[in-house]
Amino acid sequence: MRRKLPWLLLAASVALNVFFVAGVFYPHYGWQGDERPRGDIVAWATETFQLDARQVQDLEKMRERIAERRSERGDERGAFRATIIDALRAPAFDRAALEQALVERRGAMGDMILDMAEELHGFLAGLSPDQKSAFLERAEADRGFLRQLLFPPRQRD
């Protein structure tokens, strides 16, 4: 038994290190069943879902409207951050005030999600049944797909 113990410990150590390294690399180079869209998501969606010119235009308009709403909310985000920083600066922690700010933020976020879902539902209504099915399958299988599609990168000042 004494001769086997070091080898068992070595094997366990190697196995743990292999799993650790795999855990570090998986999020970046994960083995996805399908290639994740890189770069221009609209071009990728056009090719993948075989969108026609009208559907592409509808998709781009939807993304623009969502981007406009997000940019309008940018000031709110800064105000929210300022509220948290002010709460941390205060000599006494005011839990009720910070909780109220969080409740307001959640309400505004919920409204934004409802607006986006309504926009997306309108877009999907313009797709053929096969396109809609493929789109929904992709959205269900790939967690980041809708985020990438609905949250265009913010314009940096």
N, C-alpha and C. Protein backbone atom coordinates (compact mmCIF):
# COMPACT_ATOMS: atom_id res chain seq x y z
N MET A 1 0.82 -1.20 0.00
CA MET A 1 0.00 0.00 0.00
C MET A 1 0.86 1.26 0.00
N ARG A 2 1.98 1.22 0.71
CA ARG A 2 2.83 2.39 0.79
C ARG A 2 3.41 2.75 -0.58
N ARG A 3 3.66 1.77 -1.40
CA ARG A 3 4.25 2.04 -2.72
C ARG A 3 3.20 2.63 -3.66
N LYS A 4 1.94 2.29 -3.47
CA LYS A 4 0.89 2.76 -4.36
C LYS A 4 0.42 4.17 -4.03
N LEU A 5 0.52 4.55 -2.78
CA LEU A 5 0.00 5.86 -2.35
C LEU A 5 0.63 7.03 -3.10
N PRO A 6 1.95 7.12 -3.25
CA PRO A 6 2.50 8.26 -4.01
C PRO A 6 2.01 8.29 -5.46
N TRP A 7 1.87 7.12 -6.07
CA TRP A 7 1.40 7.08 -7.46
C TRP A 7 -0.06 7.51 -7.56
N LEU A 8 -0.87 7.11 -6.61
CA LEU A 8 -2.27 7.53 -6.60
C LEU A 8 -2.37 9.05 -6.41
N LEU A 9 -1.57 9.57 -5.51
CA LEU A 9 -1.57 11.02 -5.28
C LEU A 9 -1.08 11.77 -6.52
N LEU A 10 -0.07 11.24 -7.18
CA LEU A 10 0.42 11.87 -8.40
C LEU A 10 -0.65 11.85 -9.48
N ALA A 11 -1.33 10.72 -9.66
CA ALA A 11 -2.38 10.62 -10.67
C ALA A 11 -3.53 11.59 -10.36
N ALA A 12 -3.91 11.68 -9.10
CA ALA A 12 -4.98 12.60 -8.71
C ALA A 12 -4.56 14.05 -8.97
N SER A 13 -3.32 14.37 -8.66
CA SER A 13 -2.81 15.73 -8.88
C SER A 13 -2.81 16.08 -10.36
N VAL A 14 -2.33 15.16 -11.19
CA VAL A 14 -2.31 15.40 -12.64
C VAL A 14 -3.73 15.58 -13.16
N ALA A 15 -4.65 14.74 -12.72
CA ALA A 15 -6.05 14.85 -13.17
C ALA A 15 -6.64 16.20 -12.77
N LEU A 16 -6.43 16.63 -11.56
CA LEU A 16 -6.95 17.93 -11.12
C LEU A 16 -6.35 19.07 -11.92
N ASN A 17 -5.06 19.00 -12.21
CA ASN A 17 -4.43 20.05 -13.00
C ASN A 17 -4.97 20.08 -14.42
N VAL A 18 -5.20 18.93 -15.01
CA VAL A 18 -5.76 18.87 -16.37
C VAL A 18 -7.15 19.50 -16.39
N PHE A 19 -7.98 19.18 -15.39
CA PHE A 19 -9.32 19.76 -15.34
C PHE A 19 -9.26 21.27 -15.08
N PHE A 20 -8.30 21.71 -14.28
CA PHE A 20 -8.14 23.14 -14.03
C PHE A 20 -7.79 23.88 -15.32
N VAL A 21 -6.81 23.37 -16.05
CA VAL A 21 -6.40 23.99 -17.31
C VAL A 21 -7.56 23.99 -18.32
N ALA A 22 -8.29 22.89 -18.39
CA ALA A 22 -9.45 22.82 -19.30
C ALA A 22 -10.49 23.86 -18.90
N GLY A 23 -10.71 24.05 -17.62
CA GLY A 23 -11.66 25.05 -17.14
C GLY A 23 -11.25 26.46 -17.47
N VAL A 24 -9.96 26.72 -17.52
CA VAL A 24 -9.46 28.05 -17.88
C VAL A 24 -9.66 28.31 -19.37
N PHE A 25 -9.38 27.32 -20.20
CA PHE A 25 -9.46 27.51 -21.65
C PHE A 25 -10.85 27.33 -22.23
N TYR A 26 -11.72 26.59 -21.60
CA TYR A 26 -13.03 26.28 -22.17
C TYR A 26 -13.86 27.52 -22.50
N PRO A 27 -13.95 28.52 -21.61
CA PRO A 27 -14.79 29.68 -21.97
C PRO A 27 -14.30 30.41 -23.22
N HIS A 28 -13.02 30.38 -23.49
CA HIS A 28 -12.48 31.10 -24.64
C HIS A 28 -12.44 30.26 -25.90
N TYR A 29 -12.13 28.99 -25.74
CA TYR A 29 -11.96 28.12 -26.89
C TYR A 29 -12.89 26.91 -26.80
N GLY A 30 -14.01 27.09 -26.13
CA GLY A 30 -14.93 25.99 -25.86
C GLY A 30 -15.37 25.27 -27.12
N TRP A 31 -15.66 24.05 -26.95
CA TRP A 31 -16.08 23.24 -28.07
C TRP A 31 -17.58 23.38 -28.22
N GLN A 32 -17.98 24.30 -29.09
CA GLN A 32 -19.39 24.55 -29.36
C GLN A 32 -19.79 23.63 -30.50
N GLY A 33 -21.03 23.18 -30.50
CA GLY A 33 -21.51 22.34 -31.58
C GLY A 33 -21.47 23.09 -32.91
N ASP A 34 -21.72 24.37 -32.87
CA ASP A 34 -21.78 25.21 -34.06
C ASP A 34 -20.87 26.40 -33.80
N GLU A 35 -20.28 26.94 -34.84
CA GLU A 35 -19.43 28.11 -34.69
C GLU A 35 -20.25 29.28 -34.17
N ARG A 36 -19.74 29.95 -33.20
CA ARG A 36 -20.39 31.15 -32.70
C ARG A 36 -20.18 32.28 -33.69
N PRO A 37 -21.18 33.12 -33.84
CA PRO A 37 -21.00 34.24 -34.77
C PRO A 37 -19.94 35.21 -34.27
N ARG A 38 -19.02 35.55 -35.13
CA ARG A 38 -17.97 36.52 -34.81
C ARG A 38 -18.12 37.69 -35.76
N GLY A 39 -17.80 38.86 -35.30
CA GLY A 39 -17.86 40.02 -36.17
C GLY A 39 -19.27 40.51 -36.39
N ASP A 40 -19.64 40.68 -37.63
CA ASP A 40 -20.93 41.26 -38.00
C ASP A 40 -22.05 40.25 -37.80
N ILE A 41 -22.81 40.42 -36.74
CA ILE A 41 -23.88 39.49 -36.42
C ILE A 41 -25.01 39.55 -37.44
N VAL A 42 -25.23 40.72 -38.03
CA VAL A 42 -26.30 40.86 -39.02
C VAL A 42 -25.95 40.05 -40.27
N ALA A 43 -24.71 40.14 -40.72
CA ALA A 43 -24.29 39.36 -41.89
C ALA A 43 -24.37 37.87 -41.59
N TRP A 44 -23.96 37.49 -40.38
CA TRP A 44 -24.03 36.09 -39.99
C TRP A 44 -25.48 35.61 -39.98
N ALA A 45 -26.39 36.40 -39.38
CA ALA A 45 -27.81 36.03 -39.32
C ALA A 45 -28.41 35.97 -40.72
N THR A 46 -28.00 36.89 -41.59
CA THR A 46 -28.51 36.90 -42.96
C THR A 46 -28.18 35.58 -43.66
N GLU A 47 -26.96 35.14 -43.49
CA GLU A 47 -26.52 33.90 -44.13
C GLU A 47 -27.14 32.67 -43.46
N THR A 48 -27.11 32.65 -42.15
CA THR A 48 -27.57 31.47 -41.41
C THR A 48 -29.07 31.25 -41.55
N PHE A 49 -29.85 32.33 -41.44
CA PHE A 49 -31.30 32.20 -41.48
C PHE A 49 -31.88 32.53 -42.85
N GLN A 50 -31.01 32.78 -43.82
CA GLN A 50 -31.40 33.08 -45.20
C GLN A 50 -32.43 34.22 -45.24
N LEU A 51 -32.04 35.35 -44.64
CA LEU A 51 -32.93 36.51 -44.60
C LEU A 51 -32.91 37.23 -45.94
N ASP A 52 -34.07 37.73 -46.34
CA ASP A 52 -34.12 38.54 -47.57
C ASP A 52 -33.82 39.99 -47.21
N ALA A 53 -33.78 40.87 -48.21
CA ALA A 53 -33.37 42.27 -48.00
C ALA A 53 -34.30 42.98 -47.01
N ARG A 54 -35.61 42.73 -47.10
CA ARG A 54 -36.56 43.39 -46.20
C ARG A 54 -36.32 42.94 -44.76
N GLN A 55 -36.07 41.64 -44.57
CA GLN A 55 -35.84 41.11 -43.23
C GLN A 55 -34.54 41.65 -42.64
N VAL A 56 -33.52 41.78 -43.47
CA VAL A 56 -32.24 42.35 -43.01
C VAL A 56 -32.46 43.80 -42.59
N GLN A 57 -33.21 44.54 -43.38
CA GLN A 57 -33.49 45.93 -43.05
C GLN A 57 -34.27 46.02 -41.73
N ASP A 58 -35.25 45.14 -41.54
CA ASP A 58 -36.02 45.11 -40.29
C ASP A 58 -35.11 44.80 -39.10
N LEU A 59 -34.20 43.85 -39.29
CA LEU A 59 -33.27 43.49 -38.22
C LEU A 59 -32.37 44.67 -37.87
N GLU A 60 -31.84 45.35 -38.87
CA GLU A 60 -30.96 46.49 -38.61
C GLU A 60 -31.72 47.63 -37.93
N LYS A 61 -32.96 47.88 -38.35
CA LYS A 61 -33.77 48.93 -37.71
C LYS A 61 -34.05 48.58 -36.25
N MET A 62 -34.37 47.31 -36.00
CA MET A 62 -34.63 46.88 -34.62
C MET A 62 -33.38 47.09 -33.76
N ARG A 63 -32.24 46.72 -34.27
CA ARG A 63 -30.99 46.91 -33.52
C ARG A 63 -30.71 48.38 -33.26
N GLU A 64 -31.00 49.24 -34.24
CA GLU A 64 -30.79 50.68 -34.07
C GLU A 64 -31.71 51.23 -32.98
N ARG A 65 -32.98 50.82 -32.98
CA ARG A 65 -33.92 51.30 -31.96
C ARG A 65 -33.47 50.87 -30.57
N ILE A 66 -33.01 49.64 -30.45
CA ILE A 66 -32.54 49.15 -29.15
C ILE A 66 -31.28 49.92 -28.72
N ALA A 67 -30.39 50.17 -29.66
CA ALA A 67 -29.16 50.92 -29.34
C ALA A 67 -29.51 52.34 -28.90
N GLU A 68 -30.50 52.96 -29.54
CA GLU A 68 -30.92 54.31 -29.13
C GLU A 68 -31.45 54.30 -27.71
N ARG A 69 -32.28 53.32 -27.40
CA ARG A 69 -32.82 53.22 -26.03
C ARG A 69 -31.71 53.02 -25.02
N ARG A 70 -30.76 52.19 -25.37
CA ARG A 70 -29.65 51.94 -24.45
C ARG A 70 -28.82 53.20 -24.24
N SER A 71 -28.59 53.95 -25.31
CA SER A 71 -27.80 55.18 -25.16
C SER A 71 -28.55 56.21 -24.33
N GLU A 72 -29.88 56.25 -24.46
CA GLU A 72 -30.68 57.16 -23.63
C GLU A 72 -30.56 56.77 -22.16
N ARG A 73 -30.46 55.49 -21.90
CA ARG A 73 -30.37 55.01 -20.53
C ARG A 73 -28.95 55.13 -19.97
N GLY A 74 -28.01 55.52 -20.78
CA GLY A 74 -26.63 55.64 -20.31
C GLY A 74 -26.48 56.59 -19.15
N ASP A 75 -27.23 57.70 -19.17
CA ASP A 75 -27.18 58.65 -18.07
C ASP A 75 -27.71 58.04 -16.79
N GLU A 76 -28.78 57.22 -16.92
CA GLU A 76 -29.33 56.55 -15.75
C GLU A 76 -28.30 55.61 -15.13
N ARG A 77 -27.54 54.94 -15.99
CA ARG A 77 -26.52 54.02 -15.49
C ARG A 77 -25.48 54.77 -14.69
N GLY A 78 -25.06 55.93 -15.18
CA GLY A 78 -24.10 56.74 -14.45
C GLY A 78 -24.65 57.23 -13.13
N ALA A 79 -25.95 57.60 -13.13
CA ALA A 79 -26.59 58.04 -11.89
C ALA A 79 -26.68 56.90 -10.89
N PHE A 80 -26.93 55.70 -11.38
CA PHE A 80 -27.01 54.53 -10.51
C PHE A 80 -25.65 54.26 -9.87
N ARG A 81 -24.60 54.33 -10.67
CA ARG A 81 -23.25 54.13 -10.15
C ARG A 81 -22.93 55.19 -9.10
N ALA A 82 -23.32 56.43 -9.38
CA ALA A 82 -23.08 57.53 -8.42
C ALA A 82 -23.83 57.27 -7.12
N THR A 83 -25.03 56.72 -7.21
CA THR A 83 -25.81 56.42 -6.00
C THR A 83 -25.08 55.40 -5.13
N ILE A 84 -24.53 54.39 -5.76
CA ILE A 84 -23.79 53.36 -5.00
C ILE A 84 -22.54 53.96 -4.37
N ILE A 85 -21.82 54.75 -5.13
CA ILE A 85 -20.60 55.36 -4.59
C ILE A 85 -20.93 56.30 -3.44
N ASP A 86 -22.01 57.08 -3.57
CA ASP A 86 -22.44 57.96 -2.48
C ASP A 86 -22.80 57.15 -1.23
N ALA A 87 -23.46 56.01 -1.43
CA ALA A 87 -23.82 55.15 -0.30
C ALA A 87 -22.56 54.62 0.38
N LEU A 88 -21.55 54.34 -0.38
CA LEU A 88 -20.30 53.84 0.21
C LEU A 88 -19.51 54.94 0.91
N ARG A 89 -19.66 56.17 0.44
CA ARG A 89 -18.94 57.30 1.04
C ARG A 89 -19.57 57.75 2.36
N ALA A 90 -20.86 57.54 2.50
CA ALA A 90 -21.58 58.04 3.68
C ALA A 90 -21.01 57.41 4.95
N PRO A 91 -20.96 58.20 6.02
CA PRO A 91 -20.43 57.65 7.28
C PRO A 91 -21.31 56.53 7.83
N ALA A 92 -22.62 56.63 7.60
CA ALA A 92 -23.54 55.58 8.05
C ALA A 92 -24.21 54.99 6.80
N PHE A 93 -24.25 53.70 6.75
CA PHE A 93 -24.84 53.02 5.59
C PHE A 93 -26.35 53.14 5.64
N ASP A 94 -26.94 53.72 4.58
CA ASP A 94 -28.40 53.87 4.49
C ASP A 94 -28.94 52.77 3.59
N ARG A 95 -29.25 51.66 4.19
CA ARG A 95 -29.71 50.48 3.45
C ARG A 95 -31.02 50.75 2.71
N ALA A 96 -31.92 51.46 3.32
CA ALA A 96 -33.23 51.72 2.72
C ALA A 96 -33.10 52.55 1.44
N ALA A 97 -32.25 53.56 1.45
CA ALA A 97 -32.07 54.40 0.27
C ALA A 97 -31.44 53.61 -0.87
N LEU A 98 -30.44 52.82 -0.55
CA LEU A 98 -29.79 52.01 -1.58
C LEU A 98 -30.75 50.94 -2.11
N GLU A 99 -31.53 50.35 -1.22
CA GLU A 99 -32.51 49.36 -1.64
C GLU A 99 -33.54 49.97 -2.59
N GLN A 100 -33.99 51.19 -2.30
CA GLN A 100 -34.94 51.88 -3.17
C GLN A 100 -34.32 52.14 -4.55
N ALA A 101 -33.05 52.53 -4.57
CA ALA A 101 -32.37 52.76 -5.86
C ALA A 101 -32.27 51.46 -6.65
N LEU A 102 -32.01 50.35 -5.97
CA LEU A 102 -31.95 49.05 -6.64
C LEU A 102 -33.31 48.64 -7.19
N VAL A 103 -34.36 48.89 -6.44
CA VAL A 103 -35.71 48.55 -6.90
C VAL A 103 -36.05 49.36 -8.14
N GLU A 104 -35.71 50.65 -8.15
CA GLU A 104 -35.97 51.48 -9.32
C GLU A 104 -35.18 50.99 -10.52
N ARG A 105 -33.95 50.60 -10.30
CA ARG A 105 -33.10 50.10 -11.38
C ARG A 105 -33.69 48.81 -11.96
N ARG A 106 -34.12 47.91 -11.09
CA ARG A 106 -34.71 46.65 -11.57
C ARG A 106 -35.97 46.92 -12.39
N GLY A 107 -36.78 47.88 -11.95
CA GLY A 107 -38.00 48.23 -12.68
C GLY A 107 -37.68 48.77 -14.06
N ALA A 108 -36.69 49.65 -14.15
CA ALA A 108 -36.30 50.21 -15.44
C ALA A 108 -35.71 49.12 -16.34
N MET A 109 -34.95 48.21 -15.76
CA MET A 109 -34.36 47.12 -16.55
C MET A 109 -35.46 46.20 -17.07
N GLY A 110 -36.46 45.95 -16.22
CA GLY A 110 -37.58 45.12 -16.65
C GLY A 110 -38.33 45.74 -17.82
N ASP A 111 -38.51 47.06 -17.78
CA ASP A 111 -39.16 47.76 -18.88
C ASP A 111 -38.35 47.62 -20.17
N MET A 112 -37.04 47.74 -20.05
CA MET A 112 -36.19 47.63 -21.22
C MET A 112 -36.26 46.21 -21.81
N ILE A 113 -36.29 45.21 -20.96
CA ILE A 113 -36.39 43.83 -21.45
C ILE A 113 -37.73 43.60 -22.13
N LEU A 114 -38.79 44.15 -21.56
CA LEU A 114 -40.10 44.02 -22.20
C LEU A 114 -40.12 44.69 -23.57
N ASP A 115 -39.51 45.88 -23.66
CA ASP A 115 -39.44 46.57 -24.95
C ASP A 115 -38.66 45.76 -25.98
N MET A 116 -37.54 45.19 -25.55
CA MET A 116 -36.74 44.38 -26.47
C MET A 116 -37.48 43.13 -26.91
N ALA A 117 -38.17 42.48 -25.98
CA ALA A 117 -38.92 41.28 -26.33
C ALA A 117 -40.03 41.62 -27.32
N GLU A 118 -40.67 42.77 -27.14
CA GLU A 118 -41.72 43.19 -28.06
C GLU A 118 -41.14 43.47 -29.45
N GLU A 119 -40.00 44.14 -29.49
CA GLU A 119 -39.32 44.41 -30.76
C GLU A 119 -38.95 43.10 -31.46
N LEU A 120 -38.37 42.19 -30.71
CA LEU A 120 -37.94 40.91 -31.28
C LEU A 120 -39.13 40.09 -31.76
N HIS A 121 -40.22 40.12 -31.02
CA HIS A 121 -41.42 39.39 -31.43
C HIS A 121 -41.95 39.94 -32.75
N GLY A 122 -41.93 41.26 -32.89
CA GLY A 122 -42.34 41.87 -34.15
C GLY A 122 -41.46 41.45 -35.31
N PHE A 123 -40.14 41.39 -35.06
CA PHE A 123 -39.21 40.95 -36.10
C PHE A 123 -39.49 39.49 -36.48
N LEU A 124 -39.68 38.64 -35.49
CA LEU A 124 -39.91 37.22 -35.76
C LEU A 124 -41.22 36.99 -36.51
N ALA A 125 -42.19 37.87 -36.32
CA ALA A 125 -43.46 37.74 -37.04
C ALA A 125 -43.26 37.90 -38.54
N GLY A 126 -42.21 38.60 -38.95
CA GLY A 126 -41.92 38.80 -40.36
C GLY A 126 -41.11 37.70 -41.00
N LEU A 127 -40.72 36.70 -40.22
CA LEU A 127 -39.93 35.58 -40.75
C LEU A 127 -40.85 34.44 -41.18
N SER A 128 -40.35 33.61 -42.06
CA SER A 128 -41.10 32.41 -42.45
C SER A 128 -41.08 31.44 -41.26
N PRO A 129 -41.98 30.47 -41.24
CA PRO A 129 -41.98 29.50 -40.12
C PRO A 129 -40.64 28.77 -39.97
N ASP A 130 -40.00 28.42 -41.08
CA ASP A 130 -38.71 27.73 -41.00
C ASP A 130 -37.63 28.65 -40.43
N GLN A 131 -37.62 29.91 -40.88
CA GLN A 131 -36.64 30.87 -40.37
C GLN A 131 -36.86 31.11 -38.88
N LYS A 132 -38.12 31.27 -38.50
CA LYS A 132 -38.44 31.52 -37.09
C LYS A 132 -38.02 30.34 -36.23
N SER A 133 -38.27 29.14 -36.71
CA SER A 133 -37.90 27.93 -35.97
C SER A 133 -36.39 27.85 -35.80
N ALA A 134 -35.65 28.10 -36.88
CA ALA A 134 -34.18 28.06 -36.81
C ALA A 134 -33.66 29.13 -35.87
N PHE A 135 -34.25 30.33 -35.92
CA PHE A 135 -33.84 31.43 -35.06
C PHE A 135 -34.06 31.05 -33.59
N LEU A 136 -35.24 30.54 -33.27
CA LEU A 136 -35.56 30.19 -31.89
C LEU A 136 -34.71 29.03 -31.39
N GLU A 137 -34.41 28.07 -32.26
CA GLU A 137 -33.52 26.97 -31.87
C GLU A 137 -32.14 27.51 -31.52
N ARG A 138 -31.65 28.43 -32.33
CA ARG A 138 -30.33 29.02 -32.07
C ARG A 138 -30.34 29.80 -30.76
N ALA A 139 -31.40 30.58 -30.55
CA ALA A 139 -31.50 31.38 -29.33
C ALA A 139 -31.56 30.48 -28.10
N GLU A 140 -32.21 29.34 -28.23
CA GLU A 140 -32.32 28.42 -27.11
C GLU A 140 -31.00 27.70 -26.85
N ALA A 141 -30.28 27.35 -27.90
CA ALA A 141 -29.05 26.58 -27.76
C ALA A 141 -27.84 27.44 -27.38
N ASP A 142 -27.80 28.67 -27.84
CA ASP A 142 -26.63 29.53 -27.63
C ASP A 142 -27.01 30.69 -26.72
N ARG A 143 -26.53 30.63 -25.51
CA ARG A 143 -26.86 31.62 -24.49
C ARG A 143 -26.50 33.05 -24.89
N GLY A 144 -25.42 33.23 -25.60
CA GLY A 144 -24.96 34.57 -25.93
C GLY A 144 -25.53 35.13 -27.22
N PHE A 145 -26.28 34.33 -27.96
CA PHE A 145 -26.77 34.76 -29.27
C PHE A 145 -27.68 35.99 -29.17
N LEU A 146 -28.70 35.94 -28.33
CA LEU A 146 -29.61 37.08 -28.22
C LEU A 146 -28.91 38.31 -27.68
N ARG A 147 -28.00 38.12 -26.75
CA ARG A 147 -27.25 39.26 -26.21
C ARG A 147 -26.45 39.92 -27.33
N GLN A 148 -25.79 39.12 -28.13
CA GLN A 148 -24.99 39.65 -29.23
C GLN A 148 -25.87 40.33 -30.27
N LEU A 149 -27.04 39.77 -30.51
CA LEU A 149 -27.95 40.33 -31.51
C LEU A 149 -28.64 41.59 -31.01
N LEU A 150 -29.11 41.57 -29.78
CA LEU A 150 -29.93 42.67 -29.27
C LEU A 150 -29.15 43.79 -28.60
N PHE A 151 -27.93 43.52 -28.23
CA PHE A 151 -27.12 44.54 -27.58
C PHE A 151 -25.95 44.91 -28.47
N PRO A 152 -26.22 45.72 -29.49
CA PRO A 152 -25.10 46.16 -30.33
C PRO A 152 -24.07 46.88 -29.46
N PRO A 153 -22.81 46.83 -29.83
CA PRO A 153 -21.80 47.51 -29.01
C PRO A 153 -22.15 48.99 -28.86
N ARG A 154 -21.92 49.50 -27.67
CA ARG A 154 -22.20 50.92 -27.41
C ARG A 154 -21.20 51.78 -28.18
N GLN A 155 -21.68 52.93 -28.56
CA GLN A 155 -20.79 53.90 -29.21
C GLN A 155 -19.96 54.56 -28.12
N ARG A 156 -18.67 54.47 -28.24
CA ARG A 156 -17.76 55.07 -27.24
C ARG A 156 -17.54 56.54 -27.59
N ASP A 157 -17.53 57.35 -26.53
CA ASP A 157 -17.30 58.80 -26.76
C ASP A 157 -15.84 59.10 -26.94
